[in-house]
Amino acid sequence: MVGESSRTTAEPPTLPDNHKHRTVTPFNTSQRQDIDVEHEQEKLNEAVAMMNRNLQEVNVQNMNVELVAQMFKNYQSNVLFHLEATDNLKDPI
């Protein structure tokens, strides 16, 4: 057929023995971008882990505030119950 190659198998071209060696950079641009993305993802993961630790610490410290708030709510409820039970509940001034 017209325009067909005379080769039947696709073989890589061979270089002559006297060819000059080229210095090849270890990474092409897309590989460098992949490494940059991986580095940024690692930094993001570290930041999220630090934020999670800090939020956990805040939650632990807030447990005392939550406990005091619950105690006050229970106290207020008990006071209201006893004032109503003893008919000592007065209208606000």
PDB file of N, CA and C in Angstrom:
ATOM      1  N   MET A   1       0.827  -1.188   0.000  1.00  0.00           N
ATOM      2  CA  MET A   1       0.000   0.000   0.000  1.00  0.00           C
ATOM      3  C   MET A   1       0.868   1.246   0.000  1.00  0.00           C
ATOM      4  N   VAL A   2       0.287   2.325  -0.457  1.00  0.00           N
ATOM      5  CA  VAL A   2       1.006   3.575  -0.576  1.00  0.00           C
ATOM      6  C   VAL A   2       1.086   4.235   0.799  1.00  0.00           C
ATOM      7  N   GLY A   3       2.258   4.742   1.166  1.00  0.00           N
ATOM      8  CA  GLY A   3       2.430   5.467   2.408  1.00  0.00           C
ATOM      9  C   GLY A   3       2.706   4.586   3.610  1.00  0.00           C
ATOM     10  N   GLU A   4       2.705   3.276   3.461  1.00  0.00           N
ATOM     11  CA  GLU A   4       2.976   2.411   4.602  1.00  0.00           C
ATOM     12  C   GLU A   4       4.466   2.295   4.813  1.00  0.00           C
ATOM     13  N   SER A   5       4.851   2.111   6.049  1.00  0.00           N
ATOM     14  CA  SER A   5       6.253   1.956   6.383  1.00  0.00           C
ATOM     15  C   SER A   5       6.703   0.565   5.980  1.00  0.00           C
ATOM     16  N   SER A   6       7.968   0.445   5.650  1.00  0.00           N
ATOM     17  CA  SER A   6       8.497  -0.861   5.275  1.00  0.00           C
ATOM     18  C   SER A   6       8.782  -1.707   6.507  1.00  0.00           C
ATOM     19  N   ARG A   7       8.765  -1.103   7.695  1.00  0.00           N
ATOM     20  CA  ARG A   7       8.990  -1.852   8.931  1.00  0.00           C
ATOM     21  C   ARG A   7       7.744  -2.643   9.282  1.00  0.00           C
ATOM     22  N   THR A   8       7.950  -3.817   9.794  1.00  0.00           N
ATOM     23  CA  THR A   8       6.816  -4.630  10.217  1.00  0.00           C
ATOM     24  C   THR A   8       6.658  -4.603  11.726  1.00  0.00           C
ATOM     25  N   THR A   9       7.749  -4.389  12.459  1.00  0.00           N
ATOM     26  CA  THR A   9       7.661  -4.300  13.916  1.00  0.00           C
ATOM     27  C   THR A   9       8.182  -2.945  14.345  1.00  0.00           C
ATOM     28  N   ALA A  10       7.635  -2.446  15.435  1.00  0.00           N
ATOM     29  CA  ALA A  10       8.054  -1.141  15.940  1.00  0.00           C
ATOM     30  C   ALA A  10       9.236  -1.335  16.870  1.00  0.00           C
ATOM     31  N   GLU A  11      10.425  -1.028  16.377  1.00  0.00           N
ATOM     32  CA  GLU A  11      11.632  -1.138  17.181  1.00  0.00           C
ATOM     33  C   GLU A  11      12.126   0.262  17.504  1.00  0.00           C
ATOM     34  N   PRO A  12      12.638   0.449  18.729  1.00  0.00           N
ATOM     35  CA  PRO A  12      13.157   1.773  19.051  1.00  0.00           C
ATOM     36  C   PRO A  12      14.402   2.063  18.224  1.00  0.00           C
ATOM     37  N   PRO A  13      14.600   3.309  17.842  1.00  0.00           N
ATOM     38  CA  PRO A  13      15.794   3.636  17.056  1.00  0.00           C
ATOM     39  C   PRO A  13      17.047   3.456  17.907  1.00  0.00           C
ATOM     40  N   THR A  14      18.110   3.043  17.287  1.00  0.00           N
ATOM     41  CA  THR A  14      19.375   2.869  18.002  1.00  0.00           C
ATOM     42  C   THR A  14      20.277   4.047  17.705  1.00  0.00           C
ATOM     43  N   LEU A  15      21.076   4.425  18.709  1.00  0.00           N
ATOM     44  CA  LEU A  15      21.999   5.538  18.550  1.00  0.00           C
ATOM     45  C   LEU A  15      23.341   5.019  18.057  1.00  0.00           C
ATOM     46  N   PRO A  16      24.009   5.791  17.247  1.00  0.00           N
ATOM     47  CA  PRO A  16      25.342   5.362  16.812  1.00  0.00           C
ATOM     48  C   PRO A  16      26.304   5.366  17.998  1.00  0.00           C
ATOM     49  N   ASP A  17      27.378   4.616  17.890  1.00  0.00           N
ATOM     50  CA  ASP A  17      28.346   4.495  18.978  1.00  0.00           C
ATOM     51  C   ASP A  17      29.015   5.826  19.318  1.00  0.00           C
ATOM     52  N   ASN A  18      29.093   6.737  18.395  1.00  0.00           N
ATOM     53  CA  ASN A  18      29.787   7.997  18.642  1.00  0.00           C
ATOM     54  C   ASN A  18      28.838   9.130  19.061  1.00  0.00           C
ATOM     55  N   HIS A  19      27.652   8.793  19.533  1.00  0.00           N
ATOM     56  CA  HIS A  19      26.703   9.845  19.927  1.00  0.00           C
ATOM     57  C   HIS A  19      27.168  10.527  21.212  1.00  0.00           C
ATOM     58  N   LYS A  20      26.761  11.761  21.383  1.00  0.00           N
ATOM     59  CA  LYS A  20      27.122  12.504  22.590  1.00  0.00           C
ATOM     60  C   LYS A  20      26.097  12.200  23.674  1.00  0.00           C
ATOM     61  N   HIS A  21      26.591  12.041  24.900  1.00  0.00           N
ATOM     62  CA  HIS A  21      25.690  11.797  26.027  1.00  0.00           C
ATOM     63  C   HIS A  21      25.089  13.125  26.471  1.00  0.00           C
ATOM     64  N   ARG A  22      23.819  13.099  26.732  1.00  0.00           N
ATOM     65  CA  ARG A  22      23.144  14.294  27.232  1.00  0.00           C
ATOM     66  C   ARG A  22      22.924  14.143  28.729  1.00  0.00           C
ATOM     67  N   THR A  23      22.994  15.252  29.420  1.00  0.00           N
ATOM     68  CA  THR A  23      22.657  15.239  30.833  1.00  0.00           C
ATOM     69  C   THR A  23      21.144  15.333  30.941  1.00  0.00           C
ATOM     70  N   VAL A  24      20.574  14.378  31.638  1.00  0.00           N
ATOM     71  CA  VAL A  24      19.124  14.344  31.783  1.00  0.00           C
ATOM     72  C   VAL A  24      18.786  14.786  33.193  1.00  0.00           C
ATOM     73  N   THR A  25      17.877  15.734  33.302  1.00  0.00           N
ATOM     74  CA  THR A  25      17.448  16.160  34.634  1.00  0.00           C
ATOM     75  C   THR A  25      16.622  15.041  35.253  1.00  0.00           C
ATOM     76  N   PRO A  26      16.722  14.856  36.564  1.00  0.00           N
ATOM     77  CA  PRO A  26      16.032  13.731  37.189  1.00  0.00           C
ATOM     78  C   PRO A  26      14.512  13.855  37.149  1.00  0.00           C
ATOM     79  N   PHE A  27      13.981  15.054  37.028  1.00  0.00           N
ATOM     80  CA  PHE A  27      12.535  15.229  37.030  1.00  0.00           C
ATOM     81  C   PHE A  27      12.135  16.097  35.853  1.00  0.00           C
ATOM     82  N   ASN A  28      11.072  15.718  35.210  1.00  0.00           N
ATOM     83  CA  ASN A  28      10.526  16.632  34.223  1.00  0.00           C
ATOM     84  C   ASN A  28       9.540  17.551  34.933  1.00  0.00           C
ATOM     85  N   THR A  29       8.966  18.476  34.220  1.00  0.00           N
ATOM     86  CA  THR A  29       8.111  19.491  34.843  1.00  0.00           C
ATOM     87  C   THR A  29       6.915  18.872  35.544  1.00  0.00           C
ATOM     88  N   SER A  30       6.268  17.907  34.936  1.00  0.00           N
ATOM     89  CA  SER A  30       5.079  17.321  35.565  1.00  0.00           C
ATOM     90  C   SER A  30       5.458  16.536  36.811  1.00  0.00           C
ATOM     91  N   GLN A  31       6.635  15.888  36.816  1.00  0.00           N
ATOM     92  CA  GLN A  31       7.073  15.171  38.016  1.00  0.00           C
ATOM     93  C   GLN A  31       7.359  16.163  39.136  1.00  0.00           C
ATOM     94  N   ARG A  32       7.966  17.302  38.796  1.00  0.00           N
ATOM     95  CA  ARG A  32       8.228  18.335  39.794  1.00  0.00           C
ATOM     96  C   ARG A  32       6.921  18.868  40.373  1.00  0.00           C
ATOM     97  N   GLN A  33       5.935  19.064  39.525  1.00  0.00           N
ATOM     98  CA  GLN A  33       4.632  19.536  39.993  1.00  0.00           C
ATOM     99  C   GLN A  33       3.990  18.502  40.905  1.00  0.00           C
ATOM    100  N   ASP A  34       4.125  17.207  40.560  1.00  0.00           N
ATOM    101  CA  ASP A  34       3.583  16.142  41.410  1.00  0.00           C
ATOM    102  C   ASP A  34       4.235  16.171  42.779  1.00  0.00           C
ATOM    103  N   ILE A  35       5.557  16.374  42.804  1.00  0.00           N
ATOM    104  CA  ILE A  35       6.279  16.424  44.078  1.00  0.00           C
ATOM    105  C   ILE A  35       5.829  17.641  44.873  1.00  0.00           C
ATOM    106  N   ASP A  36       5.658  18.792  44.196  1.00  0.00           N
ATOM    107  CA  ASP A  36       5.181  19.999  44.871  1.00  0.00           C
ATOM    108  C   ASP A  36       3.794  19.772  45.463  1.00  0.00           C
ATOM    109  N   VAL A  37       2.916  19.115  44.712  1.00  0.00           N
ATOM    110  CA  VAL A  37       1.561  18.838  45.199  1.00  0.00           C
ATOM    111  C   VAL A  37       1.626  17.910  46.402  1.00  0.00           C
ATOM    112  N   GLU A  38       2.463  16.879  46.330  1.00  0.00           N
ATOM    113  CA  GLU A  38       2.602  15.955  47.462  1.00  0.00           C
ATOM    114  C   GLU A  38       3.123  16.694  48.690  1.00  0.00           C
ATOM    115  N   HIS A  39       4.090  17.597  48.491  1.00  0.00           N
ATOM    116  CA  HIS A  39       4.637  18.362  49.613  1.00  0.00           C
ATOM    117  C   HIS A  39       3.557  19.251  50.225  1.00  0.00           C
ATOM    118  N   GLU A  40       2.779  19.904  49.382  1.00  0.00           N
ATOM    119  CA  GLU A  40       1.699  20.762  49.878  1.00  0.00           C
ATOM    120  C   GLU A  40       0.651  19.933  50.611  1.00  0.00           C
ATOM    121  N   GLN A  41       0.361  18.726  50.112  1.00  0.00           N
ATOM    122  CA  GLN A  41      -0.602  17.854  50.788  1.00  0.00           C
ATOM    123  C   GLN A  41      -0.077  17.436  52.152  1.00  0.00           C
ATOM    124  N   GLU A  42       1.215  17.153  52.241  1.00  0.00           N
ATOM    125  CA  GLU A  42       1.814  16.795  53.529  1.00  0.00           C
ATOM    126  C   GLU A  42       1.710  17.963  54.506  1.00  0.00           C
ATOM    127  N   LYS A  43       2.007  19.177  54.020  1.00  0.00           N
ATOM    128  CA  LYS A  43       1.900  20.357  54.884  1.00  0.00           C
ATOM    129  C   LYS A  43       0.459  20.560  55.341  1.00  0.00           C
ATOM    130  N   LEU A  44      -0.491  20.356  54.429  1.00  0.00           N
ATOM    131  CA  LEU A  44      -1.907  20.496  54.777  1.00  0.00           C
ATOM    132  C   LEU A  44      -2.310  19.453  55.813  1.00  0.00           C
ATOM    133  N   ASN A  45      -1.877  18.210  55.622  1.00  0.00           N
ATOM    134  CA  ASN A  45      -2.197  17.149  56.579  1.00  0.00           C
ATOM    135  C   ASN A  45      -1.625  17.459  57.954  1.00  0.00           C
ATOM    136  N   GLU A  46      -0.410  17.977  57.998  1.00  0.00           N
ATOM    137  CA  GLU A  46       0.201  18.344  59.280  1.00  0.00           C
ATOM    138  C   GLU A  46      -0.587  19.468  59.945  1.00  0.00           C
ATOM    139  N   ALA A  47      -1.015  20.450  59.167  1.00  0.00           N
ATOM    140  CA  ALA A  47      -1.785  21.569  59.724  1.00  0.00           C
ATOM    141  C   ALA A  47      -3.133  21.092  60.254  1.00  0.00           C
ATOM    142  N   VAL A  48      -3.787  20.192  59.521  1.00  0.00           N
ATOM    143  CA  VAL A  48      -5.077  19.661  59.971  1.00  0.00           C
ATOM    144  C   VAL A  48      -4.891  18.826  61.233  1.00  0.00           C
ATOM    145  N   ALA A  49      -3.821  18.035  61.295  1.00  0.00           N
ATOM    146  CA  ALA A  49      -3.553  17.238  62.495  1.00  0.00           C
ATOM    147  C   ALA A  49      -3.316  18.148  63.697  1.00  0.00           C
ATOM    148  N   MET A  50      -2.568  19.236  63.501  1.00  0.00           N
ATOM    149  CA  MET A  50      -2.320  20.180  64.595  1.00  0.00           C
ATOM    150  C   MET A  50      -3.629  20.841  65.027  1.00  0.00           C
ATOM    151  N   MET A  51      -4.461  21.216  64.072  1.00  0.00           N
ATOM    152  CA  MET A  51      -5.741  21.831  64.405  1.00  0.00           C
ATOM    153  C   MET A  51      -6.612  20.850  65.194  1.00  0.00           C
ATOM    154  N   ASN A  52      -6.614  19.575  64.801  1.00  0.00           N
ATOM    155  CA  ASN A  52      -7.392  18.568  65.526  1.00  0.00           C
ATOM    156  C   ASN A  52      -6.901  18.421  66.961  1.00  0.00           C
ATOM    157  N   ARG A  53      -5.580  18.420  67.151  1.00  0.00           N
ATOM    158  CA  ARG A  53      -5.037  18.324  68.518  1.00  0.00           C
ATOM    159  C   ARG A  53      -5.458  19.535  69.347  1.00  0.00           C
ATOM    160  N   ASN A  54      -5.380  20.718  68.755  1.00  0.00           N
ATOM    161  CA  ASN A  54      -5.764  21.937  69.476  1.00  0.00           C
ATOM    162  C   ASN A  54      -7.250  21.947  69.810  1.00  0.00           C
ATOM    163  N   LEU A  55      -8.082  21.508  68.866  1.00  0.00           N
ATOM    164  CA  LEU A  55      -9.519  21.449  69.135  1.00  0.00           C
ATOM    165  C   LEU A  55      -9.838  20.435  70.225  1.00  0.00           C
ATOM    166  N   GLN A  56      -9.114  19.330  70.228  1.00  0.00           N
ATOM    167  CA  GLN A  56      -9.315  18.328  71.275  1.00  0.00           C
ATOM    168  C   GLN A  56      -8.957  18.918  72.641  1.00  0.00           C
ATOM    169  N   GLU A  57      -7.872  19.672  72.693  1.00  0.00           N
ATOM    170  CA  GLU A  57      -7.468  20.311  73.946  1.00  0.00           C
ATOM    171  C   GLU A  57      -8.517  21.328  74.401  1.00  0.00           C
ATOM    172  N   VAL A  58      -9.053  22.109  73.467  1.00  0.00           N
ATOM    173  CA  VAL A  58     -10.100  23.079  73.800  1.00  0.00           C
ATOM    174  C   VAL A  58     -11.329  22.350  74.335  1.00  0.00           C
ATOM    175  N   ASN A  59     -11.706  21.251  73.692  1.00  0.00           N
ATOM    176  CA  ASN A  59     -12.872  20.492  74.147  1.00  0.00           C
ATOM    177  C   ASN A  59     -12.672  19.942  75.549  1.00  0.00           C
ATOM    178  N   VAL A  60     -11.473  19.466  75.855  1.00  0.00           N
ATOM    179  CA  VAL A  60     -11.190  18.954  77.201  1.00  0.00           C
ATOM    180  C   VAL A  60     -11.306  20.082  78.215  1.00  0.00           C
ATOM    181  N   GLN A  61     -10.758  21.248  77.887  1.00  0.00           N
ATOM    182  CA  GLN A  61     -10.822  22.377  78.810  1.00  0.00           C
ATOM    183  C   GLN A  61     -12.250  22.902  78.958  1.00  0.00           C
ATOM    184  N   ASN A  62     -13.061  22.774  77.927  1.00  0.00           N
ATOM    185  CA  ASN A  62     -14.448  23.233  77.999  1.00  0.00           C
ATOM    186  C   ASN A  62     -15.334  22.286  78.803  1.00  0.00           C
ATOM    187  N   MET A  63     -14.855  21.083  79.068  1.00  0.00           N
ATOM    188  CA  MET A  63     -15.660  20.134  79.836  1.00  0.00           C
ATOM    189  C   MET A  63     -15.990  20.702  81.214  1.00  0.00           C
ATOM    190  N   ASN A  64     -15.053  21.405  81.841  1.00  0.00           N
ATOM    191  CA  ASN A  64     -15.308  22.009  83.152  1.00  0.00           C
ATOM    192  C   ASN A  64     -16.381  23.082  83.066  1.00  0.00           C
ATOM    193  N   VAL A  65     -16.327  23.894  82.027  1.00  0.00           N
ATOM    194  CA  VAL A  65     -17.333  24.945  81.842  1.00  0.00           C
ATOM    195  C   VAL A  65     -18.701  24.306  81.636  1.00  0.00           C
ATOM    196  N   GLU A  66     -18.735  23.258  80.833  1.00  0.00           N
ATOM    197  CA  GLU A  66     -19.995  22.559  80.579  1.00  0.00           C
ATOM    198  C   GLU A  66     -20.545  21.947  81.872  1.00  0.00           C
ATOM    199  N   LEU A  67     -19.676  21.394  82.692  1.00  0.00           N
ATOM    200  CA  LEU A  67     -20.092  20.804  83.965  1.00  0.00           C
ATOM    201  C   LEU A  67     -20.684  21.869  84.891  1.00  0.00           C
ATOM    202  N   VAL A  68     -20.020  23.015  85.012  1.00  0.00           N
ATOM    203  CA  VAL A  68     -20.520  24.099  85.868  1.00  0.00           C
ATOM    204  C   VAL A  68     -21.855  24.616  85.335  1.00  0.00           C
ATOM    205  N   ALA A  69     -21.991  24.743  84.027  1.00  0.00           N
ATOM    206  CA  ALA A  69     -23.249  25.211  83.442  1.00  0.00           C
ATOM    207  C   ALA A  69     -24.380  24.235  83.752  1.00  0.00           C
ATOM    208  N   GLN A  70     -24.105  22.948  83.651  1.00  0.00           N
ATOM    209  CA  GLN A  70     -25.128  21.938  83.960  1.00  0.00           C
ATOM    210  C   GLN A  70     -25.494  21.980  85.443  1.00  0.00           C
ATOM    211  N   MET A  71     -24.494  22.166  86.313  1.00  0.00           N
ATOM    212  CA  MET A  71     -24.759  22.261  87.754  1.00  0.00           C
ATOM    213  C   MET A  71     -25.639  23.478  88.054  1.00  0.00           C
ATOM    214  N   PHE A  72     -25.347  24.612  87.428  1.00  0.00           N
ATOM    215  CA  PHE A  72     -26.144  25.824  87.652  1.00  0.00           C
ATOM    216  C   PHE A  72     -27.576  25.619  87.164  1.00  0.00           C
ATOM    217  N   LYS A  73     -27.721  24.986  86.013  1.00  0.00           N
ATOM    218  CA  LYS A  73     -29.062  24.720  85.472  1.00  0.00           C
ATOM    219  C   LYS A  73     -29.849  23.836  86.436  1.00  0.00           C
ATOM    220  N   ASN A  74     -29.214  22.797  86.955  1.00  0.00           N
ATOM    221  CA  ASN A  74     -29.884  21.912  87.913  1.00  0.00           C
ATOM    222  C   ASN A  74     -30.240  22.667  89.193  1.00  0.00           C
ATOM    223  N   TYR A  75     -29.315  23.500  89.680  1.00  0.00           N
ATOM    224  CA  TYR A  75     -29.571  24.294  90.888  1.00  0.00           C
ATOM    225  C   TYR A  75     -30.768  25.218  90.671  1.00  0.00           C
ATOM    226  N   GLN A  76     -30.786  25.896  89.520  1.00  0.00           N
ATOM    227  CA  GLN A  76     -31.880  26.820  89.205  1.00  0.00           C
ATOM    228  C   GLN A  76     -33.209  26.068  89.138  1.00  0.00           C
ATOM    229  N   SER A  77     -33.192  24.899  88.534  1.00  0.00           N
ATOM    230  CA  SER A  77     -34.402  24.083  88.442  1.00  0.00           C
ATOM    231  C   SER A  77     -34.875  23.651  89.829  1.00  0.00           C
ATOM    232  N   ASN A  78     -33.940  23.262  90.688  1.00  0.00           N
ATOM    233  CA  ASN A  78     -34.294  22.848  92.053  1.00  0.00           C
ATOM    234  C   ASN A  78     -34.853  24.014  92.869  1.00  0.00           C
ATOM    235  N   VAL A  79     -34.246  25.189  92.738  1.00  0.00           N
ATOM    236  CA  VAL A  79     -34.741  26.371  93.458  1.00  0.00           C
ATOM    237  C   VAL A  79     -36.169  26.676  93.031  1.00  0.00           C
ATOM    238  N   LEU A  80     -36.418  26.663  91.719  1.00  0.00           N
ATOM    239  CA  LEU A  80     -37.763  26.939  91.216  1.00  0.00           C
ATOM    240  C   LEU A  80     -38.756  25.910  91.749  1.00  0.00           C
ATOM    241  N   PHE A  81     -38.373  24.636  91.741  1.00  0.00           N
ATOM    242  CA  PHE A  81     -39.254  23.576  92.242  1.00  0.00           C
ATOM    243  C   PHE A  81     -39.603  23.811  93.714  1.00  0.00           C
ATOM    244  N   HIS A  82     -38.601  24.103  94.543  1.00  0.00           N
ATOM    245  CA  HIS A  82     -38.842  24.278  95.975  1.00  0.00           C
ATOM    246  C   HIS A  82     -39.640  25.550  96.268  1.00  0.00           C
ATOM    247  N   LEU A  83     -39.391  26.619  95.520  1.00  0.00           N
ATOM    248  CA  LEU A  83     -40.179  27.839  95.718  1.00  0.00           C
ATOM    249  C   LEU A  83     -41.651  27.595  95.373  1.00  0.00           C
ATOM    250  N   GLU A  84     -41.890  26.862  94.285  1.00  0.00           N
ATOM    251  CA  GLU A  84     -43.272  26.545  93.918  1.00  0.00           C
ATOM    252  C   GLU A  84     -43.901  25.599  94.937  1.00  0.00           C
ATOM    253  N   ALA A  85     -43.131  24.630  95.417  1.00  0.00           N
ATOM    254  CA  ALA A  85     -43.662  23.644  96.370  1.00  0.00           C
ATOM    255  C   ALA A  85     -43.999  24.277  97.713  1.00  0.00           C
ATOM    256  N   THR A  86     -43.308  25.299  98.097  1.00  0.00           N
ATOM    257  CA  THR A  86     -43.546  25.956  99.391  1.00  0.00           C
ATOM    258  C   THR A  86     -44.383  27.225  99.248  1.00  0.00           C
ATOM    259  N   ASP A  87     -44.896  27.457  98.067  1.00  0.00           N
ATOM    260  CA  ASP A  87     -45.699  28.660  97.780  1.00  0.00           C
ATOM    261  C   ASP A  87     -44.957  29.952  98.106  1.00  0.00           C
ATOM    262  N   ASN A  88     -43.674  29.960  97.912  1.00  0.00           N
ATOM    263  CA  ASN A  88     -42.872  31.167  98.147  1.00  0.00           C
ATOM    264  C   ASN A  88     -42.443  31.853  96.851  1.00  0.00           C
ATOM    265  N   LEU A  89     -42.931  31.363  95.707  1.00  0.00           N
ATOM    266  CA  LEU A  89     -42.556  31.956  94.423  1.00  0.00           C
ATOM    267  C   LEU A  89     -43.308  33.269  94.257  1.00  0.00           C
ATOM    268  N   LYS A  90     -42.604  34.339  94.112  1.00  0.00           N
ATOM    269  CA  LYS A  90     -43.192  35.677  93.967  1.00  0.00           C
ATOM    270  C   LYS A  90     -43.074  36.132  92.511  1.00  0.00           C
ATOM    271  N   ASP A  91     -43.945  37.005  92.095  1.00  0.00           N
ATOM    272  CA  ASP A  91     -43.863  37.597  90.759  1.00  0.00           C
ATOM    273  C   ASP A  91     -42.661  38.532  90.710  1.00  0.00           C
ATOM    274  N   PRO A  92     -42.039  38.653  89.528  1.00  0.00           N
ATOM    275  CA  PRO A  92     -40.900  39.571  89.414  1.00  0.00           C
ATOM    276  C   PRO A  92     -41.345  41.010  89.662  1.00  0.00           C
ATOM    277  N   ILE A  93     -40.451  41.811  90.146  1.00  0.00           N
ATOM    278  CA  ILE A  93     -40.753  43.214  90.460  1.00  0.00           C
ATOM    279  C   ILE A  93     -40.712  44.045  89.204  1.00  0.00           C
TER     280      ILE A  93
END
